[in-house]
Protein backbone atom coordinates (compact mmCIF):
# COMPACT_ATOMS: atom_id res chain seq x y z
CA UNK A 1 -123.26 146.21 146.15
CA UNK A 2 -124.34 147.56 142.75
CA UNK A 3 -123.29 151.06 143.83
CA UNK A 4 -119.80 149.88 144.84
CA UNK A 5 -119.52 147.97 141.55
CA UNK A 6 -120.31 151.13 139.55
CA UNK A 7 -117.86 153.13 141.67
CA UNK A 8 -115.07 150.62 140.95
CA UNK A 9 -115.72 150.94 137.18
CA UNK A 10 -115.58 154.75 137.39
CA UNK A 11 -112.36 154.66 139.43
CA UNK A 12 -110.69 152.20 137.07
CA UNK A 13 -111.80 154.22 134.02
CA UNK A 14 -110.34 157.43 135.48
CA UNK A 15 -107.03 155.69 136.19
CA UNK A 16 -106.79 154.29 132.67
CA UNK A 17 -107.78 157.69 131.27
CA UNK A 18 -104.68 159.26 132.86
CA UNK A 19 -102.38 156.62 131.35
CA UNK A 20 -104.14 156.74 127.96
CA UNK A 21 -103.85 160.54 127.74
CA UNK A 22 -100.17 160.32 128.72
CA UNK A 23 -99.60 157.74 125.97
CA UNK A 24 -101.48 159.96 123.52
CA UNK A 25 -99.24 162.87 124.52
CA UNK A 26 -96.26 160.82 123.37
CA UNK A 27 -97.72 158.88 120.44
CA UNK A 28 -100.57 161.03 119.16
CA UNK A 29 -99.11 164.50 119.67
CA UNK A 30 -95.35 163.92 119.38
CA UNK A 31 -95.34 160.98 116.99
CA UNK A 32 -93.18 158.69 119.17
CA UNK A 33 -94.48 155.13 119.27
CA UNK A 34 -93.62 153.69 122.69
CA UNK A 35 -94.73 150.38 124.21
CA UNK A 36 -93.11 150.85 127.61
CA UNK A 37 -96.18 152.04 129.50
CA UNK A 38 -96.45 148.88 131.61
CA UNK A 39 -92.87 149.36 132.82
CA UNK A 40 -93.42 152.97 133.89
CA UNK A 41 -96.71 152.02 135.52
CA UNK A 42 -94.89 149.29 137.46
CA UNK A 43 -92.30 151.79 138.73
CA UNK A 44 -94.97 154.26 139.85
CA UNK A 45 -97.11 151.51 141.36
CA UNK A 46 -94.33 149.93 143.42
CA UNK A 47 -92.95 153.25 144.68
CA UNK A 48 -96.44 154.41 145.67
CA UNK A 49 -97.28 151.08 147.31
CA UNK A 50 -94.01 150.95 149.29
CA UNK A 51 -94.52 154.50 150.55
CA UNK A 52 -98.20 154.14 151.50
CA UNK A 53 -98.30 150.72 153.21
CA UNK A 54 -98.77 151.48 156.94
CA UNK A 55 -95.59 150.77 158.98
CA UNK A 56 -97.55 148.48 161.32
CA UNK A 57 -98.56 146.29 158.35
CA UNK A 58 -95.11 145.94 156.79
CA UNK A 59 -93.98 143.06 158.97
CA UNK A 60 -96.89 140.94 157.70
CA UNK A 61 -96.30 142.00 154.07
CA UNK A 62 -92.55 141.23 154.13
CA UNK A 63 -92.82 138.27 156.52
CA UNK A 64 -90.88 135.87 154.23
CA UNK A 65 -88.02 138.02 152.94
CA UNK A 66 -87.85 140.75 155.55
CA UNK A 67 -87.83 144.47 154.79
CA UNK A 68 -84.89 146.79 154.16
CA UNK A 69 -84.04 148.79 157.29
CA UNK A 70 -84.46 152.16 155.57
CA UNK A 71 -88.01 151.21 154.52
CA UNK A 72 -89.25 149.98 157.88
CA UNK A 73 -90.71 153.31 159.03
CA UNK A 74 -90.82 155.25 155.75
CA UNK A 75 -94.38 156.37 155.00
CA UNK A 76 -96.04 159.15 153.01
CA UNK A 77 -99.63 160.27 152.35
CA UNK A 78 -101.17 159.28 149.02
CA UNK A 79 -100.61 162.44 146.96
CA UNK A 80 -96.90 162.90 147.85
CA UNK A 81 -96.36 159.16 147.28
CA UNK A 82 -97.94 159.44 143.82
CA UNK A 83 -95.67 162.39 143.00
CA UNK A 84 -92.59 160.44 144.12
CA UNK A 85 -93.72 157.46 142.03
CA UNK A 86 -94.15 159.71 139.01
CA UNK A 87 -90.73 161.28 139.58
CA UNK A 88 -89.08 157.85 139.72
CA UNK A 89 -90.79 156.86 136.46
CA UNK A 90 -89.71 160.15 134.86
CA UNK A 91 -86.11 159.62 136.05
CA UNK A 92 -85.99 156.17 134.43
CA UNK A 93 -87.47 157.69 131.25
CA UNK A 94 -84.78 160.37 131.21
CA UNK A 95 -82.06 157.71 131.52
CA UNK A 96 -83.31 155.33 128.83
CA UNK A 97 -84.47 158.21 126.63
CA UNK A 98 -80.89 159.22 125.87
CA UNK A 99 -80.23 156.14 123.69
CA UNK A 100 -83.72 154.97 122.65
CA UNK A 101 -85.11 158.31 121.44
CA UNK A 102 -82.54 158.28 118.66
CA UNK A 103 -84.32 155.23 117.24
CA UNK A 104 -87.15 155.48 114.74
CA UNK A 105 -90.76 154.17 114.89
CA UNK A 106 -90.77 150.37 115.21
CA UNK A 107 -87.30 150.21 116.74
CA UNK A 108 -88.34 152.67 119.45
CA UNK A 109 -91.41 150.55 120.20
CA UNK A 110 -89.31 147.37 120.48
CA UNK A 111 -86.73 149.08 122.72
CA UNK A 112 -89.34 150.46 125.13
CA UNK A 113 -91.17 147.13 125.17
CA UNK A 114 -87.90 145.46 126.16
CA UNK A 115 -87.44 148.06 128.92
CA UNK A 116 -90.87 147.22 130.35
CA UNK A 117 -89.99 143.53 130.49
CA UNK A 118 -86.64 144.31 132.16
CA UNK A 119 -88.43 146.31 134.86
CA UNK A 120 -90.80 143.39 135.44
CA UNK A 121 -87.88 140.98 135.76
CA UNK A 122 -86.05 143.28 138.20
CA UNK A 123 -89.14 143.61 140.39
CA UNK A 124 -89.35 139.83 140.78
CA UNK A 125 -85.56 139.36 141.10
CA UNK A 126 -84.38 137.88 144.44
CA UNK A 127 -81.79 140.67 144.77
CA UNK A 128 -84.61 143.17 145.43
CA UNK A 129 -86.79 140.96 147.65
CA UNK A 130 -86.32 143.22 150.69
CA UNK A 131 -87.68 146.18 148.71
CA UNK A 132 -90.24 144.80 146.22
CA UNK A 133 -91.01 141.56 148.11
CA UNK A 134 -90.12 139.63 144.95
CA UNK A 135 -92.71 137.35 143.40
CA UNK A 136 -94.94 137.62 146.49
CA UNK A 137 -95.84 141.19 145.62
CA UNK A 138 -97.13 143.95 147.87
CA UNK A 139 -100.39 143.80 149.80
CA UNK A 140 -102.24 145.85 152.43
CA UNK A 141 -102.10 148.99 150.25
CA UNK A 142 -104.60 151.52 151.69
CA UNK A 143 -107.70 152.00 149.53
CA UNK A 144 -109.09 155.32 148.31
CA UNK A 145 -111.00 157.12 151.05
CA UNK A 146 -113.60 158.29 148.52
CA UNK A 147 -114.43 158.04 144.82
CA UNK A 148 -113.63 161.74 144.54
CA UNK A 149 -109.93 161.09 145.27
CA UNK A 150 -109.05 159.20 142.03
CA UNK A 151 -111.50 161.32 140.01
CA UNK A 152 -109.95 164.57 141.26
CA UNK A 153 -106.36 163.37 140.79
CA UNK A 154 -107.15 162.10 137.28
CA UNK A 155 -108.85 165.40 136.41
CA UNK A 156 -105.84 167.44 137.60
CA UNK A 157 -103.39 165.23 135.65
CA UNK A 158 -105.42 165.45 132.43
CA UNK A 159 -105.91 169.23 132.77
CA UNK A 160 -102.15 169.73 133.24
CA UNK A 161 -101.41 167.67 130.12
CA UNK A 162 -104.07 169.56 128.15
CA UNK A 163 -102.58 172.91 129.20
CA UNK A 164 -99.12 171.67 128.23
CA UNK A 165 -100.35 170.76 124.75
CA UNK A 166 -101.82 174.26 124.35
CA UNK A 167 -98.47 175.85 125.21
CA UNK A 168 -95.48 176.50 122.94
CA UNK A 169 -94.11 173.09 123.95
CA UNK A 170 -97.29 171.42 122.75
CA UNK A 171 -97.04 173.19 119.41
CA UNK A 172 -93.43 172.04 119.12
CA UNK A 173 -94.52 168.45 119.83
CA UNK A 174 -97.11 168.64 117.04
CA UNK A 175 -94.57 170.15 114.64
CA UNK A 176 -92.22 167.22 115.31
CA UNK A 177 -95.08 164.81 114.70
CA UNK A 178 -95.93 166.37 111.35
CA UNK A 179 -92.42 166.79 109.91
CA UNK A 180 -89.16 166.49 111.83
CA UNK A 181 -87.10 168.11 109.08
CA UNK A 182 -89.40 171.13 108.88
CA UNK A 183 -89.54 171.37 112.68
CA UNK A 184 -85.75 171.39 112.91
CA UNK A 185 -85.58 174.02 110.18
CA UNK A 186 -87.89 176.18 112.32
CA UNK A 187 -85.34 176.04 115.15
CA UNK A 188 -86.96 173.32 117.28
CA UNK A 189 -84.44 171.17 119.15
CA UNK A 190 -85.72 167.71 118.21
CA UNK A 191 -83.97 165.64 120.87
CA UNK A 192 -84.75 168.10 123.68
CA UNK A 193 -88.47 168.17 122.90
CA UNK A 194 -88.68 164.41 122.31
CA UNK A 195 -86.97 163.84 125.65
CA UNK A 196 -89.30 166.31 127.34
CA UNK A 197 -92.40 164.64 125.90
CA UNK A 198 -91.08 161.19 126.88
CA UNK A 199 -90.29 162.25 130.46
CA UNK A 200 -93.60 164.07 131.01
CA UNK A 201 -95.57 161.17 129.55
CA UNK A 202 -93.69 158.72 131.78
CA UNK A 203 -94.31 160.89 134.86
CA UNK A 204 -98.07 160.77 134.40
CA UNK A 205 -97.90 157.08 133.47
CA UNK A 206 -96.14 156.49 136.80
CA UNK A 207 -98.85 158.45 138.61
CA UNK A 208 -101.46 156.30 136.84
CA UNK A 209 -99.58 153.18 137.95
CA UNK A 210 -99.64 154.43 141.53
CA UNK A 211 -103.39 155.02 141.32
CA UNK A 212 -103.84 151.50 139.93
CA UNK A 213 -101.88 150.04 142.88
CA UNK A 214 -104.12 151.85 145.37
CA UNK A 215 -107.22 150.76 143.45
CA UNK A 216 -106.15 147.09 143.37
CA UNK A 217 -104.67 147.13 146.93
CA UNK A 218 -102.40 144.24 145.96
CA UNK A 219 -99.82 144.10 143.15
CA UNK A 220 -97.04 141.88 141.86
CA UNK A 221 -94.87 141.71 138.74
CA UNK A 222 -97.58 139.83 136.81
CA UNK A 223 -99.90 142.84 137.15
CA UNK A 224 -97.76 144.74 134.65
CA UNK A 225 -97.47 142.34 131.74
CA UNK A 226 -97.24 143.55 128.14
CA UNK A 227 -101.01 143.02 127.75
CA UNK A 228 -101.49 146.07 130.00
CA UNK A 229 -99.69 148.24 127.43
CA UNK A 230 -101.83 146.79 124.65
CA UNK A 231 -104.99 147.67 126.60
CA UNK A 232 -103.80 151.27 126.90
CA UNK A 233 -102.95 151.35 123.19
CA UNK A 234 -106.40 149.97 122.41
CA UNK A 235 -108.00 152.81 124.37
CA UNK A 236 -105.91 155.41 122.52
CA UNK A 237 -106.71 153.96 119.08
CA UNK A 238 -110.40 153.54 119.90
CA UNK A 239 -110.77 157.07 121.23
CA UNK A 240 -108.66 158.68 118.53
CA UNK A 241 -104.92 159.23 118.21
CA UNK A 242 -104.34 162.91 118.89
CA UNK A 243 -107.49 163.52 120.95
CA UNK A 244 -107.45 164.00 124.73
CA UNK A 245 -111.21 163.67 125.11
CA UNK A 246 -111.08 160.65 122.80
CA UNK A 247 -108.74 158.89 125.24
CA UNK A 248 -111.09 159.69 128.13
CA UNK A 249 -114.13 158.41 126.24
CA UNK A 250 -112.20 155.33 125.09
CA UNK A 251 -111.14 154.45 128.64
CA UNK A 252 -114.71 154.56 129.92
CA UNK A 253 -115.97 152.54 126.95
CA UNK A 254 -113.29 149.84 127.26
CA UNK A 255 -113.42 149.52 131.05
CA UNK A 256 -117.21 149.71 131.16
CA UNK A 257 -117.63 147.37 128.19
CA UNK A 258 -115.40 144.71 129.72
CA UNK A 259 -117.46 144.73 132.92
CA UNK A 260 -120.95 145.18 131.48
CA UNK A 261 -120.46 142.24 129.12
CA UNK A 262 -119.49 139.97 132.01
CA UNK A 263 -122.90 138.26 131.82
CA UNK A 264 -121.69 136.64 128.57
CA UNK A 265 -119.31 134.52 130.66
CA UNK A 266 -122.22 133.01 132.60
CA UNK A 267 -124.31 130.03 131.40
CA UNK A 268 -127.54 131.13 129.67
CA UNK A 269 -130.67 128.98 129.25
CA UNK A 270 -133.74 129.12 127.03
CA UNK A 271 -136.11 126.90 128.94
CA UNK A 272 -134.06 123.79 129.66
CA UNK A 273 -131.72 124.33 126.70
CA UNK A 274 -128.31 125.81 127.51
CA UNK A 275 -126.92 128.11 124.84
CA UNK A 276 -123.45 126.63 124.16
CA UNK A 277 -121.74 129.92 123.25
CA UNK A 278 -122.21 131.54 126.66
CA UNK A 279 -119.25 130.33 128.69
CA UNK A 280 -116.05 131.67 130.22
CA UNK A 281 -114.18 133.84 127.70
CA UNK A 282 -117.15 134.56 125.41
CA UNK A 283 -117.34 138.07 126.86
CA UNK A 284 -114.00 138.99 125.27
CA UNK A 285 -115.14 137.54 121.93
CA UNK A 286 -118.19 139.85 121.90
CA UNK A 287 -116.09 142.77 123.10
CA UNK A 288 -113.49 142.19 120.37
CA UNK A 289 -116.19 142.04 117.67
CA UNK A 290 -117.65 145.34 118.87
CA UNK A 291 -114.21 146.96 118.83
CA UNK A 292 -113.54 145.66 115.32
CA UNK A 293 -116.85 147.16 114.19
CA UNK A 294 -115.91 150.55 115.65
CA UNK A 295 -112.46 150.50 114.04
CA UNK A 296 -113.98 149.38 110.72
CA UNK A 297 -116.40 152.29 110.47
CA UNK A 298 -114.39 154.91 112.38
CA UNK A 299 -110.84 154.14 111.29
CA UNK A 300 -109.40 157.21 112.99
CA UNK A 301 -111.14 156.35 116.24
CA UNK A 302 -114.31 157.78 117.72
CA UNK A 303 -112.94 161.33 117.97
CA UNK A 304 -110.13 161.18 115.40
CA UNK A 305 -107.83 164.09 116.21
CA UNK A 306 -110.72 166.31 117.29
CA UNK A 307 -111.85 167.22 120.80
CA UNK A 308 -115.32 166.83 122.21
CA UNK A 309 -117.99 169.41 121.39
CA UNK A 310 -121.78 169.28 121.57
CA UNK A 311 -122.04 170.15 117.87
CA UNK A 312 -119.66 167.31 117.08
CA UNK A 313 -121.82 164.93 119.14
CA UNK A 314 -124.91 166.09 117.25
CA UNK A 315 -123.19 165.56 113.88
CA UNK A 316 -121.96 162.13 115.01
CA UNK A 317 -125.51 161.05 115.93
CA UNK A 318 -126.78 162.31 112.57
CA UNK A 319 -124.12 160.28 110.73
CA UNK A 320 -125.06 156.95 112.37
CA UNK A 321 -127.98 156.12 109.98
CA UNK A 322 -125.80 156.95 106.96
CA UNK A 323 -122.99 154.74 108.25
CA UNK A 324 -125.40 151.86 108.88
CA UNK A 325 -126.85 152.29 105.39
CA UNK A 326 -123.34 152.10 103.91
CA UNK A 327 -122.39 148.89 105.74
CA UNK A 328 -122.88 146.65 102.65
CA UNK A 329 -120.48 148.80 100.64
CA UNK A 330 -117.64 147.90 103.02
CA UNK A 331 -117.94 144.26 102.01
CA UNK A 332 -118.46 144.64 98.25
CA UNK A 333 -115.47 144.05 96.07
CA UNK A 334 -114.58 146.75 93.67
CA UNK A 335 -115.23 145.79 90.05
CA UNK A 336 -112.04 145.22 88.20
CA UNK A 337 -111.67 147.34 85.09
CA UNK A 338 -110.62 145.29 82.08
CA UNK A 339 -107.79 146.49 79.91
CA UNK A 340 -108.81 146.95 76.25
CA UNK A 341 -107.66 144.17 73.95
CA UNK A 342 -104.75 145.06 71.69
CA UNK A 343 -105.05 143.36 68.33
CA UNK A 344 -102.32 142.88 65.83
CA UNK A 345 -101.49 145.99 63.94
CA UNK A 346 -102.24 148.16 66.95
CA UNK A 347 -106.04 148.04 66.43
CA UNK A 348 -108.22 147.88 69.57
């Protein structure tokens, strides 16, 4: 049981790593702040789930609303289904990218957040009950045959994104992030590269959503609430905006931390005395405090915009005592310098 529990944490961490790196590709490397990840994950998840549910199980899944005739016998293996889910997510990104990518910063975030909520509403809409099964969701999704399946797929996705960022397109993305005016003066087509980054990021987000559907084996519209996007953003910020390995490390820390602190939700006794703090929900309080501490002392995230290296790990470990020693200085108020008194006649 303990082994399966550890395996589930690893699988979930790998899935979130794919989505976090794809968000970092858009936000950290291109400078486009999007909050539509939950929507693109929902598209990828539903397409993957619909294509992978065994035909013999579909009657029991759609027993209330019935299933569309063209879906009754449509079935694909996992990897092609994930690719189709990613393509659907990328297609939606290409469509909404035409108007929303002309918006700046906060307005882009609000527009993509609205898109995610629209997708959620459409999934649960009665008009699509014979496809999405409405508010009842989709069940009987086949599980991973082995832990190596999600790990391998996640590794391939992350490697492809890393290679893209090392190419001329990746350098163009970074130039846009640093200075759009200078990038345009260098001959970079801003809209084309923003659209490309948005579509590629959405493709891998859709693949991550498909992996999440297979991991959970049962999904509905409530699975893809806005809090899911905030969790992904938390991973990106914690790991370091502009760092691929930072997003991977952040996903394992967040997913592992949420599970390994689960004992804080259980009653705890010292002799016959029950400690009042340990109750349902206290786990997230502890987890939030730990995250605040990390952000306080590593404001650019664990990795910043750097990538993992053994020398960097060694330097990080060496800096821990110094950071702990400097903790009091974070809470001291700076002494206010007094302005010299000006007496009459101009004398000080």
